[in-house]
N, C-alpha and C. Protein backbone atom coordinates (compact mmCIF):
# COMPACT_ATOMS: atom_id res chain seq x y z
N UNK A 1 162.75 -85.75 129.05
CA UNK A 1 162.63 -85.05 127.88
C UNK A 1 163.53 -84.12 127.83
N UNK A 2 164.09 -83.53 126.49
CA UNK A 2 164.97 -82.67 126.22
C UNK A 2 164.57 -81.16 126.45
N UNK A 3 165.37 -80.32 126.69
CA UNK A 3 165.16 -78.95 126.84
C UNK A 3 164.78 -78.59 125.45
N UNK A 4 164.51 -77.12 125.52
CA UNK A 4 164.39 -76.47 124.29
C UNK A 4 165.44 -76.30 123.30
N UNK A 5 166.55 -75.90 123.78
CA UNK A 5 167.91 -75.73 123.08
C UNK A 5 168.30 -77.14 122.60
N UNK A 6 168.47 -78.30 123.46
CA UNK A 6 168.78 -79.40 122.92
C UNK A 6 167.95 -79.98 121.70
N UNK A 7 166.57 -79.91 122.25
CA UNK A 7 165.64 -80.42 121.17
C UNK A 7 165.80 -80.15 119.82
N UNK A 8 165.84 -78.62 119.73
CA UNK A 8 165.84 -77.86 118.27
C UNK A 8 167.13 -78.18 117.58
N UNK A 9 168.27 -78.36 118.32
CA UNK A 9 169.62 -78.20 117.74
C UNK A 9 170.12 -79.42 117.35
N UNK A 10 169.34 -80.52 117.74
CA UNK A 10 169.96 -82.03 117.58
C UNK A 10 169.93 -82.34 116.17
N UNK A 11 168.74 -81.87 115.44
CA UNK A 11 168.78 -82.59 113.99
C UNK A 11 169.20 -81.45 113.07
N UNK A 12 169.75 -80.29 113.50
CA UNK A 12 169.91 -79.29 112.51
C UNK A 12 171.31 -79.51 112.06
N UNK A 13 171.64 -79.22 110.81
CA UNK A 13 172.81 -79.07 110.41
C UNK A 13 173.68 -78.08 110.70
N UNK A 14 175.07 -78.02 110.56
CA UNK A 14 175.81 -77.16 111.05
C UNK A 14 175.69 -75.64 110.37
N UNK A 15 175.32 -75.77 109.16
CA UNK A 15 174.96 -74.27 108.48
C UNK A 15 173.54 -74.52 108.00
N UNK A 16 172.44 -74.25 108.75
CA UNK A 16 171.07 -74.30 108.61
C UNK A 16 170.48 -73.37 107.60
N UNK A 17 171.38 -72.41 106.90
CA UNK A 17 170.75 -71.64 105.72
C UNK A 17 170.64 -72.22 104.64
N UNK A 18 169.55 -71.97 103.82
CA UNK A 18 169.45 -72.81 102.64
C UNK A 18 170.02 -72.12 101.51
N UNK A 19 170.60 -72.79 100.44
CA UNK A 19 171.33 -71.75 99.34
C UNK A 19 170.22 -71.22 98.57
N UNK A 20 170.49 -70.00 97.98
CA UNK A 20 169.69 -69.11 97.35
C UNK A 20 169.20 -69.75 95.89
N UNK A 21 168.12 -70.09 95.70
CA UNK A 21 167.79 -70.68 94.34
C UNK A 21 167.43 -69.64 93.45
N UNK A 22 167.44 -68.26 93.72
CA UNK A 22 166.96 -67.37 92.80
C UNK A 22 167.89 -66.23 92.95
N UNK A 23 169.22 -66.13 92.44
CA UNK A 23 169.97 -65.02 92.54
C UNK A 23 169.49 -63.63 92.26
N UNK A 24 169.74 -62.63 93.15
CA UNK A 24 169.12 -61.21 93.08
C UNK A 24 170.10 -60.59 91.93
N UNK A 25 169.71 -59.39 91.35
CA UNK A 25 170.45 -58.64 90.62
C UNK A 25 170.38 -59.10 89.10
N UNK A 26 171.02 -58.05 88.30
CA UNK A 26 170.96 -58.83 86.85
C UNK A 26 172.29 -58.68 86.31
N UNK A 27 172.44 -59.29 85.38
CA UNK A 27 173.90 -59.58 84.75
C UNK A 27 173.61 -59.29 83.16
N UNK A 28 174.88 -59.39 82.82
CA UNK A 28 174.78 -59.23 81.27
C UNK A 28 173.95 -60.14 80.43
N UNK A 29 173.50 -61.28 80.85
CA UNK A 29 172.72 -62.29 80.21
C UNK A 29 171.10 -61.51 80.29
N UNK A 30 170.61 -60.87 81.29
CA UNK A 30 169.43 -60.32 81.23
C UNK A 30 169.24 -59.13 80.17
N UNK A 31 170.21 -58.63 79.97
CA UNK A 31 170.09 -57.20 78.89
C UNK A 31 169.74 -57.63 77.35
N UNK A 32 169.97 -59.05 77.19
CA UNK A 32 169.66 -59.48 75.89
C UNK A 32 168.27 -59.96 75.68
N UNK A 33 167.39 -59.85 76.84
CA UNK A 33 166.08 -60.47 76.64
C UNK A 33 165.15 -59.54 75.95
N UNK A 34 165.41 -58.20 76.13
CA UNK A 34 164.55 -57.25 75.59
C UNK A 34 165.13 -56.59 74.31
N UNK A 35 164.19 -55.96 73.69
CA UNK A 35 164.82 -55.14 72.35
C UNK A 35 165.49 -53.94 72.87
N UNK A 36 166.56 -53.60 72.47
CA UNK A 36 167.39 -52.44 72.91
C UNK A 36 166.96 -51.19 72.11
N UNK A 37 167.14 -50.09 72.10
CA UNK A 37 167.11 -49.23 71.15
C UNK A 37 168.05 -49.14 69.96
N UNK A 38 169.03 -49.89 69.99
CA UNK A 38 169.93 -50.14 68.76
C UNK A 38 169.31 -51.02 67.87
N UNK A 39 168.70 -51.96 68.39
CA UNK A 39 168.00 -53.09 67.50
C UNK A 39 166.46 -52.43 67.16
N UNK A 40 166.14 -51.48 67.35
CA UNK A 40 164.88 -50.96 66.95
C UNK A 40 165.26 -50.03 65.80
N UNK A 41 166.41 -49.36 65.92
CA UNK A 41 166.89 -48.26 64.69
C UNK A 41 167.43 -49.41 63.49
N UNK A 42 167.84 -50.60 63.87
CA UNK A 42 168.13 -51.65 62.96
C UNK A 42 167.04 -52.07 62.13
N UNK A 43 166.08 -52.35 62.60
CA UNK A 43 164.96 -52.88 62.04
C UNK A 43 164.28 -51.74 61.18
N UNK A 44 164.24 -50.40 61.74
CA UNK A 44 163.80 -49.32 61.04
C UNK A 44 164.57 -49.17 59.72
N UNK A 45 166.02 -49.30 59.80
CA UNK A 45 166.73 -49.13 58.73
C UNK A 45 166.60 -50.22 57.46
N UNK A 46 166.36 -51.62 58.02
CA UNK A 46 166.23 -52.46 57.22
C UNK A 46 164.87 -52.41 56.47
N UNK A 47 163.91 -52.05 57.09
CA UNK A 47 162.49 -51.78 56.58
C UNK A 47 162.56 -50.72 55.49
N UNK A 48 163.37 -49.68 55.60
CA UNK A 48 163.57 -48.49 54.82
C UNK A 48 164.31 -48.79 53.52
N UNK A 49 165.29 -49.72 53.71
CA UNK A 49 165.91 -50.21 52.58
C UNK A 49 165.06 -51.22 51.86
N UNK A 50 164.24 -51.94 52.36
CA UNK A 50 163.43 -52.98 51.58
C UNK A 50 162.45 -52.09 50.85
N UNK A 51 161.68 -51.09 51.50
CA UNK A 51 160.82 -50.23 50.82
C UNK A 51 161.61 -49.30 49.53
N UNK A 52 162.59 -48.81 49.77
CA UNK A 52 163.26 -48.39 48.55
C UNK A 52 163.55 -49.23 47.42
N UNK A 53 163.96 -50.39 47.73
CA UNK A 53 164.21 -51.41 46.78
C UNK A 53 162.85 -51.87 45.98
N UNK A 54 161.92 -51.89 46.77
CA UNK A 54 160.69 -52.24 45.98
C UNK A 54 160.07 -51.05 45.35
N UNK A 55 160.26 -49.87 45.96
CA UNK A 55 160.08 -48.70 45.12
C UNK A 55 160.63 -48.53 43.76
N UNK A 56 162.01 -48.69 43.83
CA UNK A 56 162.58 -48.58 42.41
C UNK A 56 162.42 -49.73 41.54
N UNK A 57 161.96 -50.83 42.11
CA UNK A 57 161.89 -52.08 41.23
C UNK A 57 160.51 -51.67 40.40
N UNK A 58 159.38 -51.09 41.08
CA UNK A 58 158.03 -50.87 40.59
C UNK A 58 157.99 -49.54 39.89
N UNK A 59 158.85 -48.88 39.76
CA UNK A 59 158.64 -47.64 39.00
C UNK A 59 158.63 -47.60 37.50
């Protein structure tokens, strides 16, 4: 029967570490997922313009 080192090393590949399937850290693509402060102000301005247009149309 094979000894401990021979038994466990016979089937193993040369580099037994698995590739990482979920990289750590964030990149530029992660920043687009949320709504940033610039986009919130953009929507506030768009809503204000629409309200002003509707206000002047119905005076």
